[in-house]
Amino acid sequence: MPKVTIDREKCKGCLLCVGVCPKKLISRDKSLNSKGHNPVKFQDKGECIGCALCAIICPDCCIEVYK
């Protein structure tokens, strides 16, 4: 099963990854990071297919997908 990690401190909350996730497993987190942005969070429901579209589209390289 793939593992997704998100660097909350680097994420500026652009939400590009939210739109490309085919399983809708990424959403905006309600808590702020140290820069005052709402980063995204990954909801591990065991449905991730490891497509890595989220990591590819992230402009700040905040997301890593391990297969």
N, C-alpha and C. Protein backbone atom coordinates (compact mmCIF):
# COMPACT_ATOMS: atom_id res chain seq x y z
N MET A 1 0.84 -1.18 0.00
CA MET A 1 0.00 0.00 0.00
C MET A 1 0.89 1.25 0.00
N PRO A 2 0.61 2.22 -0.84
CA PRO A 2 1.41 3.45 -0.93
C PRO A 2 1.32 4.27 0.36
N LYS A 3 2.39 5.04 0.60
CA LYS A 3 2.42 5.94 1.74
C LYS A 3 2.65 7.35 1.22
N VAL A 4 1.85 8.29 1.71
CA VAL A 4 1.96 9.68 1.29
C VAL A 4 2.38 10.52 2.48
N THR A 5 3.42 11.33 2.29
CA THR A 5 3.83 12.26 3.34
C THR A 5 3.74 13.69 2.81
N ILE A 6 3.30 14.59 3.66
CA ILE A 6 3.16 15.99 3.30
C ILE A 6 3.93 16.84 4.31
N ASP A 7 4.81 17.69 3.82
CA ASP A 7 5.56 18.60 4.67
C ASP A 7 4.67 19.81 4.96
N ARG A 8 4.06 19.82 6.13
CA ARG A 8 3.11 20.88 6.51
C ARG A 8 3.75 22.26 6.50
N GLU A 9 5.00 22.36 6.86
CA GLU A 9 5.65 23.66 6.95
C GLU A 9 5.97 24.26 5.58
N LYS A 10 6.20 23.44 4.58
CA LYS A 10 6.47 23.94 3.23
C LYS A 10 5.19 24.23 2.45
N CYS A 11 4.09 23.58 2.83
CA CYS A 11 2.84 23.71 2.09
C CYS A 11 2.23 25.09 2.29
N LYS A 12 1.87 25.74 1.17
CA LYS A 12 1.25 27.05 1.25
C LYS A 12 -0.26 26.99 1.02
N GLY A 13 -0.80 25.79 0.89
CA GLY A 13 -2.25 25.62 0.77
C GLY A 13 -2.83 26.03 -0.56
N CYS A 14 -2.12 25.79 -1.64
CA CYS A 14 -2.62 26.17 -2.97
C CYS A 14 -3.76 25.27 -3.44
N LEU A 15 -3.85 24.07 -2.86
CA LEU A 15 -4.93 23.10 -3.12
C LEU A 15 -4.89 22.47 -4.52
N LEU A 16 -3.80 22.59 -5.24
CA LEU A 16 -3.70 21.94 -6.55
C LEU A 16 -3.78 20.42 -6.40
N CYS A 17 -3.19 19.90 -5.35
CA CYS A 17 -3.19 18.45 -5.12
C CYS A 17 -4.59 17.92 -4.81
N VAL A 18 -5.41 18.74 -4.19
CA VAL A 18 -6.77 18.33 -3.85
C VAL A 18 -7.56 18.02 -5.12
N GLY A 19 -7.39 18.85 -6.13
CA GLY A 19 -8.13 18.68 -7.38
C GLY A 19 -7.70 17.51 -8.22
N VAL A 20 -6.45 17.05 -8.08
CA VAL A 20 -5.98 15.96 -8.93
C VAL A 20 -6.08 14.57 -8.31
N CYS A 21 -6.33 14.49 -7.01
CA CYS A 21 -6.40 13.18 -6.36
C CYS A 21 -7.65 12.43 -6.82
N PRO A 22 -7.48 11.32 -7.53
CA PRO A 22 -8.64 10.61 -8.06
C PRO A 22 -9.52 9.97 -6.98
N LYS A 23 -8.96 9.75 -5.80
CA LYS A 23 -9.72 9.13 -4.70
C LYS A 23 -10.19 10.16 -3.67
N LYS A 24 -9.87 11.44 -3.90
CA LYS A 24 -10.27 12.55 -3.01
C LYS A 24 -9.80 12.31 -1.57
N LEU A 25 -8.53 11.95 -1.42
CA LEU A 25 -7.96 11.66 -0.11
C LEU A 25 -7.18 12.82 0.49
N ILE A 26 -7.10 13.93 -0.22
CA ILE A 26 -6.37 15.10 0.26
C ILE A 26 -7.37 16.24 0.45
N SER A 27 -7.24 16.91 1.59
CA SER A 27 -8.14 18.04 1.88
C SER A 27 -7.37 19.10 2.66
N ARG A 28 -7.98 20.26 2.78
CA ARG A 28 -7.36 21.36 3.52
C ARG A 28 -7.46 21.08 5.02
N ASP A 29 -6.36 21.30 5.71
CA ASP A 29 -6.33 21.14 7.16
C ASP A 29 -6.84 22.43 7.79
N LYS A 30 -7.56 22.31 8.88
CA LYS A 30 -8.11 23.50 9.56
C LYS A 30 -7.06 24.23 10.38
N SER A 31 -6.00 23.52 10.79
CA SER A 31 -4.96 24.15 11.60
C SER A 31 -3.93 24.84 10.71
N LEU A 32 -3.32 25.87 11.22
CA LEU A 32 -2.33 26.65 10.48
C LEU A 32 -0.93 26.12 10.72
N ASN A 33 -0.05 26.31 9.73
CA ASN A 33 1.36 26.01 9.94
C ASN A 33 2.04 27.27 10.49
N SER A 34 3.34 27.23 10.68
CA SER A 34 4.05 28.36 11.30
C SER A 34 4.06 29.62 10.42
N LYS A 35 3.78 29.46 9.14
CA LYS A 35 3.73 30.61 8.23
C LYS A 35 2.33 31.20 8.12
N GLY A 36 1.36 30.59 8.80
CA GLY A 36 0.00 31.10 8.78
C GLY A 36 -0.85 30.57 7.65
N HIS A 37 -0.39 29.52 6.98
CA HIS A 37 -1.15 28.91 5.88
C HIS A 37 -1.89 27.68 6.38
N ASN A 38 -3.00 27.39 5.72
CA ASN A 38 -3.71 26.14 5.98
C ASN A 38 -3.14 25.10 5.02
N PRO A 39 -2.29 24.21 5.49
CA PRO A 39 -1.73 23.19 4.61
C PRO A 39 -2.76 22.11 4.31
N VAL A 40 -2.41 21.20 3.45
CA VAL A 40 -3.30 20.09 3.14
C VAL A 40 -2.95 18.90 4.03
N LYS A 41 -3.89 17.97 4.13
CA LYS A 41 -3.65 16.74 4.88
C LYS A 41 -4.11 15.56 4.06
N PHE A 42 -3.45 14.45 4.27
CA PHE A 42 -3.79 13.21 3.57
C PHE A 42 -4.58 12.33 4.51
N GLN A 43 -5.72 11.85 4.03
CA GLN A 43 -6.57 10.96 4.83
C GLN A 43 -6.35 9.54 4.35
N ASP A 44 -5.60 8.79 5.12
CA ASP A 44 -5.26 7.42 4.74
C ASP A 44 -6.43 6.49 5.03
N LYS A 45 -7.18 6.19 4.00
CA LYS A 45 -8.33 5.29 4.12
C LYS A 45 -8.04 3.94 3.47
N GLY A 46 -6.79 3.73 3.09
CA GLY A 46 -6.43 2.49 2.41
C GLY A 46 -6.85 2.45 0.96
N GLU A 47 -7.24 3.59 0.41
CA GLU A 47 -7.72 3.66 -0.97
C GLU A 47 -6.71 4.26 -1.94
N CYS A 48 -5.60 4.79 -1.43
CA CYS A 48 -4.60 5.43 -2.29
C CYS A 48 -4.05 4.41 -3.28
N ILE A 49 -3.98 4.81 -4.55
CA ILE A 49 -3.48 3.92 -5.59
C ILE A 49 -2.03 4.22 -5.95
N GLY A 50 -1.43 5.22 -5.31
CA GLY A 50 -0.03 5.54 -5.54
C GLY A 50 0.25 6.17 -6.88
N CYS A 51 -0.71 6.87 -7.44
CA CYS A 51 -0.52 7.49 -8.76
C CYS A 51 0.49 8.64 -8.73
N ALA A 52 0.68 9.25 -7.57
CA ALA A 52 1.63 10.35 -7.35
C ALA A 52 1.28 11.63 -8.10
N LEU A 53 0.06 11.76 -8.56
CA LEU A 53 -0.35 13.00 -9.22
C LEU A 53 -0.24 14.19 -8.26
N CYS A 54 -0.51 13.96 -7.00
CA CYS A 54 -0.41 15.01 -6.00
C CYS A 54 1.03 15.52 -5.90
N ALA A 55 1.98 14.62 -5.87
CA ALA A 55 3.38 15.00 -5.77
C ALA A 55 3.87 15.68 -7.04
N ILE A 56 3.39 15.23 -8.17
CA ILE A 56 3.81 15.81 -9.46
C ILE A 56 3.32 17.24 -9.61
N ILE A 57 2.09 17.52 -9.18
CA ILE A 57 1.52 18.85 -9.38
C ILE A 57 1.94 19.86 -8.32
N CYS A 58 2.47 19.40 -7.20
CA CYS A 58 2.83 20.30 -6.10
C CYS A 58 3.97 21.22 -6.51
N PRO A 59 3.74 22.54 -6.55
CA PRO A 59 4.78 23.47 -7.00
C PRO A 59 5.93 23.63 -6.00
N ASP A 60 5.70 23.24 -4.75
CA ASP A 60 6.72 23.42 -3.71
C ASP A 60 7.34 22.11 -3.23
N CYS A 61 7.05 21.01 -3.92
CA CYS A 61 7.61 19.69 -3.60
C CYS A 61 7.38 19.31 -2.14
N CYS A 62 6.17 19.51 -1.68
CA CYS A 62 5.80 19.20 -0.29
C CYS A 62 5.33 17.78 -0.11
N ILE A 63 5.01 17.10 -1.19
CA ILE A 63 4.40 15.78 -1.11
C ILE A 63 5.33 14.71 -1.66
N GLU A 64 5.44 13.62 -0.91
CA GLU A 64 6.21 12.46 -1.38
C GLU A 64 5.32 11.24 -1.31
N VAL A 65 5.40 10.40 -2.34
CA VAL A 65 4.61 9.17 -2.39
C VAL A 65 5.58 8.00 -2.46
N TYR A 66 5.44 7.09 -1.51
CA TYR A 66 6.26 5.89 -1.44
C TYR A 66 5.40 4.69 -1.78
N LYS A 67 5.89 3.87 -2.69
CA LYS A 67 5.12 2.68 -3.08
C LYS A 67 5.66 1.45 -2.41
